[in-house]
């Protein structure tokens, strides 16, 4: 599983960082993205929906989310 640490980054950087791993997701690898920016959370979920990726979101600490993304 690839991990993308987006702690401290505001949009659009988390989405751009995820987009750079798009081919890995298409090939079947899972990606774990960690963010503390609530707007990034919504934008990443939207990006996954547009690309028909599966995702699960978990708030692991108050204001910190882990998003697991797969094909």
N, C-alpha and C. Protein backbone atom coordinates (compact mmCIF):
# COMPACT_ATOMS: atom_id res chain seq x y z
N UNK A 1 0.84 -1.18 0.00
CA UNK A 1 0.00 0.00 0.00
C UNK A 1 0.89 1.24 0.00
N UNK A 2 0.58 2.15 -0.90
CA UNK A 2 1.30 3.42 -0.97
C UNK A 2 0.70 4.38 0.05
N UNK A 3 1.53 5.18 0.69
CA UNK A 3 1.05 6.15 1.66
C UNK A 3 1.40 7.55 1.18
N UNK A 4 0.40 8.42 1.22
CA UNK A 4 0.60 9.83 0.87
C UNK A 4 0.31 10.64 2.13
N UNK A 5 1.33 11.31 2.64
CA UNK A 5 1.18 12.12 3.83
C UNK A 5 0.91 13.56 3.42
N UNK A 6 -0.33 14.00 3.62
CA UNK A 6 -0.72 15.36 3.24
C UNK A 6 -0.97 16.23 4.45
N UNK A 7 -0.46 15.84 5.60
CA UNK A 7 -0.65 16.64 6.81
C UNK A 7 -0.02 18.02 6.62
N UNK A 8 -0.81 19.04 6.87
CA UNK A 8 -0.33 20.41 6.75
C UNK A 8 -0.50 21.01 5.37
N UNK A 9 -0.96 20.24 4.40
CA UNK A 9 -1.14 20.74 3.04
C UNK A 9 -2.61 21.11 2.81
N UNK A 10 -2.83 22.27 2.23
CA UNK A 10 -4.17 22.71 1.87
C UNK A 10 -4.44 22.36 0.41
N UNK A 11 -5.72 22.38 0.05
CA UNK A 11 -6.09 22.12 -1.34
C UNK A 11 -5.50 23.21 -2.23
N UNK A 12 -5.12 22.82 -3.40
CA UNK A 12 -5.38 21.56 -4.10
C UNK A 12 -4.25 20.54 -3.98
N UNK A 13 -3.24 20.80 -3.14
CA UNK A 13 -2.08 19.90 -3.11
C UNK A 13 -2.41 18.44 -2.80
N UNK A 14 -3.28 18.11 -1.82
CA UNK A 14 -3.58 16.70 -1.61
C UNK A 14 -4.19 16.00 -2.83
N UNK A 15 -5.04 16.71 -3.56
CA UNK A 15 -5.64 16.12 -4.76
C UNK A 15 -4.58 15.93 -5.84
N UNK A 16 -3.70 16.90 -5.97
CA UNK A 16 -2.60 16.79 -6.95
C UNK A 16 -1.69 15.62 -6.59
N UNK A 17 -1.39 15.47 -5.30
CA UNK A 17 -0.53 14.37 -4.86
C UNK A 17 -1.20 13.02 -5.12
N UNK A 18 -2.52 12.96 -4.93
CA UNK A 18 -3.25 11.73 -5.23
C UNK A 18 -3.27 11.47 -6.73
N UNK A 19 -3.48 12.50 -7.51
CA UNK A 19 -3.53 12.34 -8.97
C UNK A 19 -2.21 11.79 -9.51
N UNK A 20 -1.10 12.13 -8.87
CA UNK A 20 0.20 11.60 -9.29
C UNK A 20 0.28 10.08 -9.10
N UNK A 21 -0.55 9.52 -8.24
CA UNK A 21 -0.58 8.07 -7.98
C UNK A 21 -1.71 7.37 -8.72
N UNK A 22 -2.39 8.09 -9.62
CA UNK A 22 -3.55 7.56 -10.34
C UNK A 22 -3.24 6.24 -11.03
N UNK A 23 -2.11 6.16 -11.71
CA UNK A 23 -1.77 4.93 -12.45
C UNK A 23 -1.55 3.75 -11.50
N UNK A 24 -1.07 4.01 -10.30
CA UNK A 24 -0.89 2.93 -9.32
C UNK A 24 -2.24 2.37 -8.89
N UNK A 25 -3.21 3.25 -8.70
CA UNK A 25 -4.55 2.81 -8.31
C UNK A 25 -5.18 2.00 -9.44
N UNK A 26 -5.05 2.48 -10.68
CA UNK A 26 -5.59 1.78 -11.85
C UNK A 26 -5.00 0.37 -11.94
N UNK A 27 -3.70 0.24 -11.61
CA UNK A 27 -3.04 -1.07 -11.71
C UNK A 27 -3.39 -1.99 -10.54
N UNK A 28 -4.20 -1.53 -9.58
CA UNK A 28 -4.66 -2.40 -8.52
C UNK A 28 -4.06 -2.15 -7.15
N UNK A 29 -3.15 -1.21 -7.03
CA UNK A 29 -2.56 -0.92 -5.72
C UNK A 29 -3.50 -0.03 -4.91
N UNK A 30 -3.42 -0.20 -3.59
CA UNK A 30 -4.18 0.66 -2.69
C UNK A 30 -3.32 1.85 -2.28
N UNK A 31 -4.00 2.95 -2.01
CA UNK A 31 -3.32 4.16 -1.56
C UNK A 31 -3.96 4.59 -0.25
N UNK A 32 -3.12 4.93 0.72
CA UNK A 32 -3.58 5.48 1.99
C UNK A 32 -3.16 6.94 2.03
N UNK A 33 -4.14 7.83 2.04
CA UNK A 33 -3.86 9.25 2.07
C UNK A 33 -4.27 9.79 3.44
N UNK A 34 -3.38 10.54 4.08
CA UNK A 34 -3.63 11.11 5.39
C UNK A 34 -3.70 12.63 5.24
N UNK A 35 -4.79 13.22 5.74
CA UNK A 35 -4.96 14.67 5.63
C UNK A 35 -5.55 15.23 6.91
N UNK A 36 -5.26 16.49 7.16
CA UNK A 36 -5.86 17.21 8.28
C UNK A 36 -6.63 18.44 7.79
N UNK A 37 -6.96 18.42 6.51
CA UNK A 37 -7.66 19.55 5.89
C UNK A 37 -9.03 19.06 5.44
N UNK A 38 -10.09 19.56 6.08
CA UNK A 38 -11.44 19.03 5.81
C UNK A 38 -11.89 19.27 4.37
N UNK A 39 -11.49 20.38 3.77
CA UNK A 39 -11.86 20.61 2.37
C UNK A 39 -11.17 19.61 1.46
N UNK A 40 -9.92 19.27 1.76
CA UNK A 40 -9.21 18.25 0.98
C UNK A 40 -9.94 16.92 1.07
N UNK A 41 -10.46 16.61 2.23
CA UNK A 41 -11.22 15.37 2.42
C UNK A 41 -12.37 15.30 1.43
N UNK A 42 -13.15 16.35 1.34
CA UNK A 42 -14.29 16.37 0.42
C UNK A 42 -13.84 16.33 -1.04
N UNK A 43 -12.79 17.04 -1.36
CA UNK A 43 -12.31 17.06 -2.74
C UNK A 43 -11.74 15.71 -3.16
N UNK A 44 -11.08 15.02 -2.25
CA UNK A 44 -10.53 13.70 -2.55
C UNK A 44 -11.66 12.70 -2.76
N UNK A 45 -12.68 12.76 -1.91
CA UNK A 45 -13.83 11.87 -2.08
C UNK A 45 -14.51 12.14 -3.43
N UNK A 46 -14.62 13.40 -3.81
CA UNK A 46 -15.21 13.75 -5.11
C UNK A 46 -14.35 13.22 -6.26
N UNK A 47 -13.03 13.37 -6.15
CA UNK A 47 -12.10 12.86 -7.16
C UNK A 47 -12.27 11.35 -7.31
N UNK A 48 -12.38 10.65 -6.19
CA UNK A 48 -12.56 9.20 -6.23
C UNK A 48 -13.88 8.82 -6.90
N UNK A 49 -14.92 9.54 -6.60
CA UNK A 49 -16.22 9.27 -7.20
C UNK A 49 -16.17 9.48 -8.71
N UNK A 50 -15.56 10.57 -9.14
CA UNK A 50 -15.45 10.84 -10.58
C UNK A 50 -14.67 9.75 -11.32
N UNK A 51 -13.66 9.19 -10.65
CA UNK A 51 -12.82 8.18 -11.28
C UNK A 51 -13.25 6.75 -10.97
N UNK A 52 -14.40 6.63 -10.32
CA UNK A 52 -14.96 5.32 -9.96
C UNK A 52 -14.00 4.49 -9.12
N UNK A 53 -13.31 5.16 -8.20
CA UNK A 53 -12.45 4.49 -7.23
C UNK A 53 -13.27 4.23 -5.97
N UNK A 54 -12.93 3.15 -5.30
CA UNK A 54 -13.53 2.88 -4.00
C UNK A 54 -12.70 3.59 -2.94
N UNK A 55 -13.37 4.04 -1.90
CA UNK A 55 -12.63 4.68 -0.82
C UNK A 55 -13.36 4.50 0.50
N UNK A 56 -12.60 4.46 1.55
CA UNK A 56 -13.14 4.48 2.90
C UNK A 56 -12.43 5.60 3.64
N UNK A 57 -13.18 6.27 4.48
CA UNK A 57 -12.65 7.40 5.23
C UNK A 57 -12.81 7.13 6.72
N UNK A 58 -11.75 7.38 7.46
CA UNK A 58 -11.80 7.19 8.91
C UNK A 58 -11.11 8.38 9.58
N UNK A 59 -11.80 8.98 10.55
CA UNK A 59 -11.19 10.06 11.33
C UNK A 59 -10.43 9.39 12.47
N UNK A 60 -9.11 9.32 12.33
CA UNK A 60 -8.28 8.59 13.28
C UNK A 60 -7.93 9.42 14.51
N UNK A 61 -7.87 10.70 14.36
CA UNK A 61 -7.72 11.66 15.45
C UNK A 61 -8.65 12.81 15.13
N UNK A 62 -8.96 13.61 16.11
CA UNK A 62 -9.84 14.75 15.84
C UNK A 62 -9.18 15.65 14.80
N UNK A 63 -9.83 15.74 13.63
CA UNK A 63 -9.34 16.58 12.56
C UNK A 63 -8.29 15.94 11.67
N UNK A 64 -8.05 14.64 11.82
CA UNK A 64 -7.08 13.92 10.97
C UNK A 64 -7.80 12.71 10.37
N UNK A 65 -7.79 12.63 9.05
CA UNK A 65 -8.49 11.55 8.36
C UNK A 65 -7.53 10.68 7.58
N UNK A 66 -7.83 9.39 7.53
CA UNK A 66 -7.14 8.44 6.66
C UNK A 66 -8.15 7.99 5.61
N UNK A 67 -7.76 8.13 4.36
CA UNK A 67 -8.61 7.72 3.25
C UNK A 67 -7.90 6.60 2.52
N UNK A 68 -8.51 5.43 2.48
CA UNK A 68 -7.96 4.30 1.75
C UNK A 68 -8.66 4.24 0.40
N UNK A 69 -7.87 4.25 -0.66
CA UNK A 69 -8.39 4.34 -2.02
C UNK A 69 -7.95 3.13 -2.82
N UNK A 70 -8.88 2.55 -3.56
CA UNK A 70 -8.56 1.41 -4.43
C UNK A 70 -9.44 1.46 -5.67
N UNK A 71 -9.12 0.58 -6.61
CA UNK A 71 -9.86 0.52 -7.87
C UNK A 71 -11.20 -0.13 -7.66
